[in-house]
Each structure stands twice: as structure tokens, then as C-alpha cells.
Amino acid sequence: MVELFRFASTHRIAAARDAVFEVLRDAERWPQWWPQIRSVTPYDDTHGRTEIRSVLPLTLRIELSTERVDPESGVLRATLAGDLIGWSQFALRAEGPDRTLLDYTQQVQLGVAGITGRLAGSALARPILIANHAAMMRSGMRGLSRAASRAQLRHT
């Protein structure tokens, strides 16, 4: 049986919605502000590969395919393949001129050839993977807030 992971979180970002959107849209630069994103290798405008490593000593290799980049609605969505199979999405809403509410949603299963084998059968696997994800998101959202604030200052 394949185990499904669903993540949903809301974050307040201290920057304007458009600045946050532009920073998220530029995935090649994510490693500059999100420490757990170790690398992003674009294949073309809508496909690429990323390597992610958070607290656990496991590097996730994920193929990304852009599904949606919609500045008007504030939605960025991608399908995932490789060590994680599924999708992830950022949805942004302005919460004032210099604040953004970011809803992050992800639904994935572990790729068979990836980390599943190393964690199979462990009763602790699920809570450990969830805690690992939470640590990564906290760090990433702090970095996003800083990067978007800097981007906003450059455009004012």
C-alpha cells in the first residue's frame, strides 16, 4: 500500500504579494534563500530537477513540471516525480500593501525507487518525515520573507 502525505500550511510573509510571487516564480534562485533546496537544474521553461535535503540525512531528487503560474490569481503549481510523486502549490493573497498570506499545499507519495526502501517498515517514518517537512517549511518561509522584502525594496 502506498502511503500518501498531505501537507497544508499558511504563512504570513512581510512583503507585497507581487514581490513574493516574483521570488517564488524564479525557482532557479530558490537555493539562495531556501537552505534546504540544494540545487535547481532547469531543463526548459517548465521542467527541471531539484535536490532537497532538510534535517534528515536524505537527499530528495525531484523532477518538477510547471502546471500553473498565474500572477493574477497568485497561484504557482507544479507536478512532482522522482523521490516524491504528486503535486505542490503556493497560493498568495494580499493582506495589506506589504503583507502576503501564503497557503502552501502538497500531496505526495514516496517514490518507489527513492527513500521508501530506506524507511519501509519503520513505525517512526511518517512522524519523522512530517517533522522534517515542517522544519524545511519554517526555514524556507523565513528565507522567502527576507528575499521578497529585498525584491520589494529594489522595485520601490
N, C-alpha and C. Protein backbone atom coordinates (compact mmCIF):
# COMPACT_ATOMS: atom_id res chain seq x y z
N MET A 1 0.83 -1.19 0.00
CA MET A 1 0.00 0.00 0.00
C MET A 1 0.88 1.26 0.00
N VAL A 2 0.57 2.18 -0.88
CA VAL A 2 1.34 3.41 -0.99
C VAL A 2 0.79 4.42 0.00
N GLU A 3 1.70 4.99 0.79
CA GLU A 3 1.28 5.97 1.79
C GLU A 3 1.28 7.37 1.19
N LEU A 4 0.18 8.08 1.42
CA LEU A 4 0.00 9.42 0.89
C LEU A 4 0.29 10.43 1.99
N PHE A 5 1.01 11.49 1.64
CA PHE A 5 1.28 12.58 2.57
C PHE A 5 0.58 13.82 2.03
N ARG A 6 -0.18 14.47 2.91
CA ARG A 6 -0.83 15.74 2.57
C ARG A 6 -0.33 16.79 3.54
N PHE A 7 0.14 17.88 2.98
CA PHE A 7 0.63 18.98 3.80
C PHE A 7 -0.16 20.23 3.44
N ALA A 8 -0.52 21.00 4.43
CA ALA A 8 -1.17 22.29 4.21
C ALA A 8 -0.72 23.22 5.32
N SER A 9 -0.28 24.39 4.93
CA SER A 9 0.15 25.37 5.93
C SER A 9 -0.09 26.76 5.37
N THR A 10 -0.26 27.70 6.29
CA THR A 10 -0.45 29.10 5.93
C THR A 10 0.65 29.91 6.59
N HIS A 11 1.22 30.84 5.83
CA HIS A 11 2.34 31.63 6.31
C HIS A 11 2.09 33.10 6.00
N ARG A 12 2.46 33.96 6.93
CA ARG A 12 2.41 35.41 6.69
C ARG A 12 3.81 35.85 6.27
N ILE A 13 3.86 36.50 5.12
CA ILE A 13 5.13 36.95 4.57
C ILE A 13 5.13 38.48 4.61
N ALA A 14 6.20 39.05 5.15
CA ALA A 14 6.29 40.50 5.32
C ALA A 14 6.80 41.16 4.04
N ALA A 15 6.00 41.05 2.99
CA ALA A 15 6.30 41.69 1.71
C ALA A 15 5.03 41.70 0.87
N ALA A 16 5.01 42.56 -0.12
CA ALA A 16 3.86 42.67 -1.01
C ALA A 16 3.67 41.39 -1.81
N ARG A 17 2.43 41.08 -2.12
CA ARG A 17 2.08 39.85 -2.85
C ARG A 17 2.86 39.71 -4.16
N ASP A 18 2.95 40.79 -4.93
CA ASP A 18 3.65 40.70 -6.22
C ASP A 18 5.13 40.38 -6.04
N ALA A 19 5.75 40.93 -5.01
CA ALA A 19 7.16 40.64 -4.74
C ALA A 19 7.34 39.18 -4.35
N VAL A 20 6.45 38.67 -3.52
CA VAL A 20 6.51 37.27 -3.10
C VAL A 20 6.33 36.36 -4.33
N PHE A 21 5.37 36.70 -5.17
CA PHE A 21 5.10 35.91 -6.36
C PHE A 21 6.34 35.84 -7.27
N GLU A 22 6.97 36.99 -7.48
CA GLU A 22 8.14 37.02 -8.37
C GLU A 22 9.30 36.21 -7.81
N VAL A 23 9.50 36.24 -6.50
CA VAL A 23 10.58 35.44 -5.90
C VAL A 23 10.26 33.95 -6.06
N LEU A 24 9.02 33.56 -5.82
CA LEU A 24 8.64 32.15 -5.98
C LEU A 24 8.70 31.71 -7.45
N ARG A 25 8.37 32.60 -8.33
CA ARG A 25 8.37 32.28 -9.77
C ARG A 25 9.77 31.94 -10.27
N ASP A 26 10.79 32.50 -9.66
CA ASP A 26 12.18 32.32 -10.08
C ASP A 26 12.81 31.13 -9.34
N ALA A 27 12.37 29.94 -9.67
CA ALA A 27 12.79 28.73 -8.95
C ALA A 27 14.30 28.49 -9.01
N GLU A 28 14.96 28.93 -10.06
CA GLU A 28 16.42 28.73 -10.15
C GLU A 28 17.16 29.40 -9.01
N ARG A 29 16.58 30.44 -8.42
CA ARG A 29 17.23 31.17 -7.32
C ARG A 29 16.80 30.69 -5.93
N TRP A 30 15.92 29.72 -5.87
CA TRP A 30 15.47 29.24 -4.55
C TRP A 30 16.63 28.83 -3.64
N PRO A 31 17.68 28.17 -4.14
CA PRO A 31 18.77 27.80 -3.23
C PRO A 31 19.45 29.01 -2.56
N GLN A 32 19.29 30.19 -3.10
CA GLN A 32 19.89 31.39 -2.50
C GLN A 32 19.19 31.79 -1.20
N TRP A 33 17.91 31.47 -1.07
CA TRP A 33 17.18 31.89 0.13
C TRP A 33 16.53 30.73 0.89
N TRP A 34 16.51 29.55 0.31
CA TRP A 34 15.91 28.38 0.97
C TRP A 34 17.00 27.34 1.15
N PRO A 35 17.61 27.28 2.34
CA PRO A 35 18.80 26.44 2.55
C PRO A 35 18.61 24.96 2.23
N GLN A 36 17.42 24.43 2.39
CA GLN A 36 17.20 23.01 2.14
C GLN A 36 17.08 22.68 0.65
N ILE A 37 16.85 23.68 -0.17
CA ILE A 37 16.86 23.46 -1.62
C ILE A 37 18.31 23.55 -2.05
N ARG A 38 18.93 22.40 -2.24
CA ARG A 38 20.37 22.36 -2.52
C ARG A 38 20.71 22.75 -3.95
N SER A 39 19.84 22.41 -4.89
CA SER A 39 20.10 22.79 -6.28
C SER A 39 18.81 22.75 -7.08
N VAL A 40 18.78 23.56 -8.12
CA VAL A 40 17.69 23.56 -9.09
C VAL A 40 18.35 23.57 -10.47
N THR A 41 18.02 22.58 -11.28
CA THR A 41 18.57 22.47 -12.63
C THR A 41 17.42 22.54 -13.61
N PRO A 42 17.29 23.67 -14.31
CA PRO A 42 16.19 23.76 -15.29
C PRO A 42 16.53 22.96 -16.54
N TYR A 43 15.51 22.32 -17.11
CA TYR A 43 15.65 21.64 -18.40
C TYR A 43 15.14 22.56 -19.50
N ASP A 44 14.07 23.29 -19.19
CA ASP A 44 13.48 24.27 -20.10
C ASP A 44 12.63 25.20 -19.24
N ASP A 45 11.72 25.95 -19.85
CA ASP A 45 10.92 26.93 -19.10
C ASP A 45 9.92 26.31 -18.14
N THR A 46 9.57 25.03 -18.32
CA THR A 46 8.54 24.43 -17.48
C THR A 46 8.95 23.14 -16.78
N HIS A 47 10.17 22.67 -16.99
CA HIS A 47 10.62 21.41 -16.40
C HIS A 47 12.02 21.59 -15.80
N GLY A 48 12.25 20.86 -14.72
CA GLY A 48 13.56 20.91 -14.10
C GLY A 48 13.70 19.86 -13.02
N ARG A 49 14.83 19.90 -12.38
CA ARG A 49 15.15 18.94 -11.31
C ARG A 49 15.66 19.73 -10.11
N THR A 50 15.26 19.28 -8.93
CA THR A 50 15.76 19.90 -7.71
C THR A 50 16.26 18.83 -6.76
N GLU A 51 17.22 19.19 -5.95
CA GLU A 51 17.70 18.32 -4.88
C GLU A 51 17.43 19.03 -3.56
N ILE A 52 16.80 18.31 -2.64
CA ILE A 52 16.35 18.88 -1.38
C ILE A 52 16.88 18.01 -0.24
N ARG A 53 17.40 18.68 0.78
CA ARG A 53 17.84 17.95 1.97
C ARG A 53 17.55 18.82 3.19
N SER A 54 16.74 18.30 4.09
CA SER A 54 16.39 19.04 5.30
C SER A 54 17.17 18.46 6.48
N VAL A 55 16.49 18.18 7.56
CA VAL A 55 17.16 17.70 8.77
C VAL A 55 17.65 16.26 8.61
N LEU A 56 16.85 15.42 7.98
CA LEU A 56 17.23 14.01 7.80
C LEU A 56 18.41 13.89 6.83
N PRO A 57 19.25 12.90 7.02
CA PRO A 57 20.38 12.72 6.11
C PRO A 57 19.96 12.00 4.82
N LEU A 58 18.94 12.54 4.16
CA LEU A 58 18.42 12.01 2.90
C LEU A 58 18.29 13.16 1.91
N THR A 59 18.79 12.97 0.72
CA THR A 59 18.62 13.96 -0.33
C THR A 59 17.51 13.49 -1.25
N LEU A 60 16.49 14.32 -1.40
CA LEU A 60 15.38 14.01 -2.31
C LEU A 60 15.70 14.60 -3.67
N ARG A 61 15.54 13.80 -4.69
CA ARG A 61 15.72 14.24 -6.08
C ARG A 61 14.34 14.24 -6.73
N ILE A 62 13.92 15.42 -7.14
CA ILE A 62 12.56 15.59 -7.62
C ILE A 62 12.57 16.27 -8.99
N GLU A 63 11.81 15.69 -9.90
CA GLU A 63 11.58 16.29 -11.22
C GLU A 63 10.33 17.15 -11.10
N LEU A 64 10.43 18.41 -11.50
CA LEU A 64 9.31 19.35 -11.42
C LEU A 64 8.79 19.68 -12.80
N SER A 65 7.49 19.74 -12.92
CA SER A 65 6.84 20.20 -14.15
C SER A 65 5.83 21.27 -13.78
N THR A 66 6.01 22.45 -14.30
CA THR A 66 5.10 23.54 -14.01
C THR A 66 3.72 23.25 -14.59
N GLU A 67 2.71 23.35 -13.75
CA GLU A 67 1.32 23.20 -14.20
C GLU A 67 0.67 24.55 -14.38
N ARG A 68 0.97 25.45 -13.43
CA ARG A 68 0.28 26.74 -13.44
C ARG A 68 1.16 27.82 -12.82
N VAL A 69 1.28 28.93 -13.50
CA VAL A 69 1.93 30.14 -12.97
C VAL A 69 0.99 31.28 -13.35
N ASP A 70 0.19 31.71 -12.39
CA ASP A 70 -0.86 32.69 -12.67
C ASP A 70 -0.70 33.91 -11.76
N PRO A 71 -0.05 34.96 -12.26
CA PRO A 71 0.15 36.15 -11.44
C PRO A 71 -1.16 36.78 -10.96
N GLU A 72 -2.20 36.72 -11.76
CA GLU A 72 -3.48 37.34 -11.35
C GLU A 72 -4.09 36.66 -10.14
N SER A 73 -4.13 35.34 -10.15
CA SER A 73 -4.72 34.62 -9.01
C SER A 73 -3.70 34.37 -7.91
N GLY A 74 -2.42 34.54 -8.22
CA GLY A 74 -1.37 34.30 -7.23
C GLY A 74 -1.07 32.83 -7.00
N VAL A 75 -1.33 31.99 -8.00
CA VAL A 75 -1.14 30.54 -7.84
C VAL A 75 0.06 30.07 -8.66
N LEU A 76 0.90 29.29 -8.00
CA LEU A 76 2.01 28.58 -8.65
C LEU A 76 1.86 27.11 -8.27
N ARG A 77 1.80 26.24 -9.27
CA ARG A 77 1.56 24.82 -9.01
C ARG A 77 2.47 23.98 -9.90
N ALA A 78 2.99 22.89 -9.34
CA ALA A 78 3.86 22.00 -10.09
C ALA A 78 3.54 20.55 -9.77
N THR A 79 3.75 19.67 -10.76
CA THR A 79 3.69 18.23 -10.51
C THR A 79 5.09 17.77 -10.16
N LEU A 80 5.16 16.72 -9.34
CA LEU A 80 6.43 16.20 -8.84
C LEU A 80 6.57 14.74 -9.24
N ALA A 81 7.79 14.35 -9.59
CA ALA A 81 8.10 12.95 -9.88
C ALA A 81 9.49 12.66 -9.31
N GLY A 82 9.79 11.40 -9.16
CA GLY A 82 11.09 11.02 -8.60
C GLY A 82 10.89 10.50 -7.19
N ASP A 83 11.65 11.05 -6.23
CA ASP A 83 11.54 10.61 -4.84
C ASP A 83 10.22 11.00 -4.20
N LEU A 84 9.57 12.02 -4.71
CA LEU A 84 8.21 12.40 -4.31
C LEU A 84 7.37 12.45 -5.57
N ILE A 85 6.19 11.87 -5.51
CA ILE A 85 5.29 11.84 -6.67
C ILE A 85 3.98 12.49 -6.26
N GLY A 86 3.57 13.52 -6.99
CA GLY A 86 2.33 14.20 -6.67
C GLY A 86 2.36 15.62 -7.17
N TRP A 87 2.00 16.57 -6.30
CA TRP A 87 1.95 17.98 -6.69
C TRP A 87 2.17 18.86 -5.47
N SER A 88 2.55 20.11 -5.75
CA SER A 88 2.63 21.13 -4.70
C SER A 88 2.15 22.45 -5.27
N GLN A 89 1.67 23.32 -4.36
CA GLN A 89 1.09 24.59 -4.81
C GLN A 89 1.29 25.68 -3.77
N PHE A 90 1.61 26.87 -4.26
CA PHE A 90 1.59 28.09 -3.47
C PHE A 90 0.41 28.92 -3.97
N ALA A 91 -0.38 29.45 -3.05
CA ALA A 91 -1.47 30.37 -3.39
C ALA A 91 -1.30 31.61 -2.52
N LEU A 92 -1.19 32.77 -3.16
CA LEU A 92 -0.88 34.01 -2.46
C LEU A 92 -2.08 34.95 -2.47
N ARG A 93 -2.28 35.64 -1.33
CA ARG A 93 -3.29 36.68 -1.24
C ARG A 93 -2.69 37.87 -0.50
N ALA A 94 -2.98 39.05 -0.99
CA ALA A 94 -2.53 40.26 -0.32
C ALA A 94 -3.27 40.40 1.01
N GLU A 95 -2.52 40.76 2.01
CA GLU A 95 -3.11 41.02 3.35
C GLU A 95 -2.69 42.44 3.76
N GLY A 96 -2.83 43.35 2.84
CA GLY A 96 -2.37 44.71 3.03
C GLY A 96 -1.28 45.00 2.01
N PRO A 97 -0.78 46.24 1.98
CA PRO A 97 0.18 46.61 0.95
C PRO A 97 1.53 45.91 1.07
N ASP A 98 1.92 45.55 2.28
CA ASP A 98 3.24 44.94 2.48
C ASP A 98 3.19 43.62 3.24
N ARG A 99 2.07 42.91 3.10
CA ARG A 99 1.93 41.61 3.75
C ARG A 99 1.20 40.66 2.81
N THR A 100 1.65 39.43 2.82
CA THR A 100 1.06 38.40 1.97
C THR A 100 0.71 37.19 2.81
N LEU A 101 -0.43 36.63 2.54
CA LEU A 101 -0.83 35.37 3.14
C LEU A 101 -0.54 34.29 2.10
N LEU A 102 0.30 33.34 2.45
CA LEU A 102 0.70 32.28 1.54
C LEU A 102 0.13 30.96 2.05
N ASP A 103 -0.67 30.32 1.22
CA ASP A 103 -1.18 28.98 1.53
C ASP A 103 -0.36 27.98 0.73
N TYR A 104 0.27 27.06 1.43
CA TYR A 104 1.05 26.02 0.77
C TYR A 104 0.30 24.70 0.91
N THR A 105 0.16 23.99 -0.18
CA THR A 105 -0.50 22.69 -0.18
C THR A 105 0.36 21.72 -0.98
N GLN A 106 0.48 20.52 -0.47
CA GLN A 106 1.24 19.49 -1.17
C GLN A 106 0.58 18.14 -0.91
N GLN A 107 0.50 17.32 -1.95
CA GLN A 107 0.02 15.95 -1.81
C GLN A 107 1.00 15.06 -2.57
N VAL A 108 1.66 14.17 -1.85
CA VAL A 108 2.69 13.33 -2.47
C VAL A 108 2.69 11.94 -1.86
N GLN A 109 3.27 11.04 -2.61
CA GLN A 109 3.62 9.73 -2.08
C GLN A 109 5.12 9.57 -2.32
N LEU A 110 5.73 8.69 -1.58
CA LEU A 110 7.16 8.45 -1.72
C LEU A 110 7.41 7.64 -2.98
N GLY A 111 8.40 8.05 -3.76
CA GLY A 111 8.76 7.31 -4.97
C GLY A 111 9.33 5.95 -4.61
N VAL A 112 8.93 4.93 -5.32
CA VAL A 112 9.34 3.56 -5.03
C VAL A 112 10.85 3.41 -5.04
N ALA A 113 11.51 4.00 -6.02
CA ALA A 113 12.96 3.85 -6.13
C ALA A 113 13.71 4.78 -5.20
N GLY A 114 13.00 5.68 -4.57
CA GLY A 114 13.66 6.68 -3.73
C GLY A 114 13.80 6.26 -2.29
N ILE A 115 13.28 7.07 -1.40
CA ILE A 115 13.51 6.89 0.02
C ILE A 115 12.62 5.84 0.65
N THR A 116 11.63 5.35 -0.06
CA THR A 116 10.71 4.38 0.52
C THR A 116 11.45 3.16 1.06
N GLY A 117 12.35 2.63 0.29
CA GLY A 117 13.07 1.43 0.69
C GLY A 117 13.85 1.61 1.98
N ARG A 118 14.42 2.77 2.15
CA ARG A 118 15.22 3.04 3.35
C ARG A 118 14.36 3.20 4.59
N LEU A 119 13.09 3.56 4.41
CA LEU A 119 12.22 3.81 5.56
C LEU A 119 11.11 2.78 5.72
N ALA A 120 11.00 1.89 4.77
CA ALA A 120 9.91 0.91 4.79
C ALA A 120 9.90 0.12 6.09
N GLY A 121 8.72 -0.05 6.62
CA GLY A 121 8.56 -0.86 7.82
C GLY A 121 8.80 -0.12 9.11
N SER A 122 9.26 1.08 9.06
CA SER A 122 9.54 1.84 10.28
C SER A 122 8.26 2.53 10.76
N ALA A 123 7.90 2.27 12.00
CA ALA A 123 6.71 2.91 12.58
C ALA A 123 6.95 4.41 12.78
N LEU A 124 8.21 4.81 12.86
CA LEU A 124 8.53 6.21 13.07
C LEU A 124 8.65 7.00 11.77
N ALA A 125 8.62 6.34 10.64
CA ALA A 125 8.87 7.01 9.37
C ALA A 125 7.93 8.19 9.15
N ARG A 126 6.64 7.98 9.27
CA ARG A 126 5.67 9.04 8.98
C ARG A 126 5.88 10.27 9.86
N PRO A 127 5.91 10.15 11.20
CA PRO A 127 6.09 11.36 12.02
C PRO A 127 7.45 12.03 11.78
N ILE A 128 8.46 11.24 11.48
CA ILE A 128 9.78 11.83 11.21
C ILE A 128 9.75 12.61 9.90
N LEU A 129 9.13 12.06 8.87
CA LEU A 129 9.04 12.76 7.59
C LEU A 129 8.19 14.03 7.71
N ILE A 130 7.15 13.99 8.50
CA ILE A 130 6.30 15.17 8.71
C ILE A 130 7.08 16.25 9.46
N ALA A 131 7.82 15.88 10.49
CA ALA A 131 8.64 16.85 11.23
C ALA A 131 9.73 17.43 10.33
N ASN A 132 10.33 16.61 9.50
CA ASN A 132 11.36 17.05 8.56
C ASN A 132 10.78 18.10 7.60
N HIS A 133 9.58 17.83 7.09
CA HIS A 133 8.90 18.76 6.18
C HIS A 133 8.61 20.09 6.90
N ALA A 134 8.12 20.02 8.13
CA ALA A 134 7.78 21.23 8.88
C ALA A 134 9.02 22.10 9.10
N ALA A 135 10.14 21.48 9.44
CA ALA A 135 11.39 22.24 9.63
C ALA A 135 11.81 22.92 8.34
N MET A 136 11.68 22.20 7.23
CA MET A 136 12.04 22.76 5.94
C MET A 136 11.15 23.95 5.60
N MET A 137 9.86 23.85 5.83
CA MET A 137 8.94 24.92 5.50
C MET A 137 9.19 26.16 6.37
N ARG A 138 9.44 25.97 7.66
CA ARG A 138 9.73 27.12 8.53
C ARG A 138 10.95 27.88 8.02
N SER A 139 11.99 27.16 7.73
CA SER A 139 13.22 27.79 7.23
C SER A 139 12.98 28.47 5.89
N GLY A 140 12.29 27.79 5.00
CA GLY A 140 12.02 28.34 3.67
C GLY A 140 11.18 29.59 3.71
N MET A 141 10.18 29.62 4.57
CA MET A 141 9.30 30.79 4.64
C MET A 141 10.03 31.99 5.25
N ARG A 142 10.94 31.75 6.20
CA ARG A 142 11.77 32.85 6.71
C ARG A 142 12.64 33.41 5.59
N GLY A 143 13.25 32.51 4.82
CA GLY A 143 14.08 32.96 3.70
C GLY A 143 13.27 33.67 2.64
N LEU A 144 12.08 33.17 2.34
CA LEU A 144 11.21 33.81 1.35
C LEU A 144 10.84 35.22 1.80
N SER A 145 10.52 35.38 3.06
CA SER A 145 10.16 36.70 3.58
C SER A 145 11.31 37.68 3.39
N ARG A 146 12.53 37.26 3.70
CA ARG A 146 13.69 38.13 3.52
C ARG A 146 13.92 38.45 2.04
N ALA A 147 13.86 37.43 1.19
CA ALA A 147 14.11 37.62 -0.25
C ALA A 147 13.06 38.51 -0.87
N ALA A 148 11.80 38.32 -0.51
CA ALA A 148 10.73 39.13 -1.08
C ALA A 148 10.81 40.57 -0.57
N SER A 149 11.19 40.77 0.67
CA SER A 149 11.36 42.12 1.19
C SER A 149 12.46 42.86 0.44
N ARG A 150 13.57 42.16 0.18
CA ARG A 150 14.67 42.77 -0.60
C ARG A 150 14.20 43.08 -2.03
N ALA A 151 13.48 42.17 -2.64
CA ALA A 151 12.97 42.39 -4.00
C ALA A 151 12.03 43.59 -4.03
N GLN A 152 11.20 43.71 -3.03
CA GLN A 152 10.24 44.80 -2.96
C GLN A 152 10.99 46.13 -2.84
N LEU A 153 12.05 46.18 -2.03
CA LEU A 153 12.83 47.41 -1.87
C LEU A 153 13.51 47.82 -3.17
N ARG A 154 13.96 46.84 -3.95
CA ARG A 154 14.62 47.14 -5.24
C ARG A 154 13.63 47.74 -6.23
N HIS A 155 12.35 47.42 -6.10
CA HIS A 155 11.35 47.90 -7.06
C HIS A 155 10.56 49.13 -6.58
N THR A 156 10.95 49.69 -5.43
CA THR A 156 10.24 50.88 -4.94
C THR A 156 11.08 52.12 -5.13
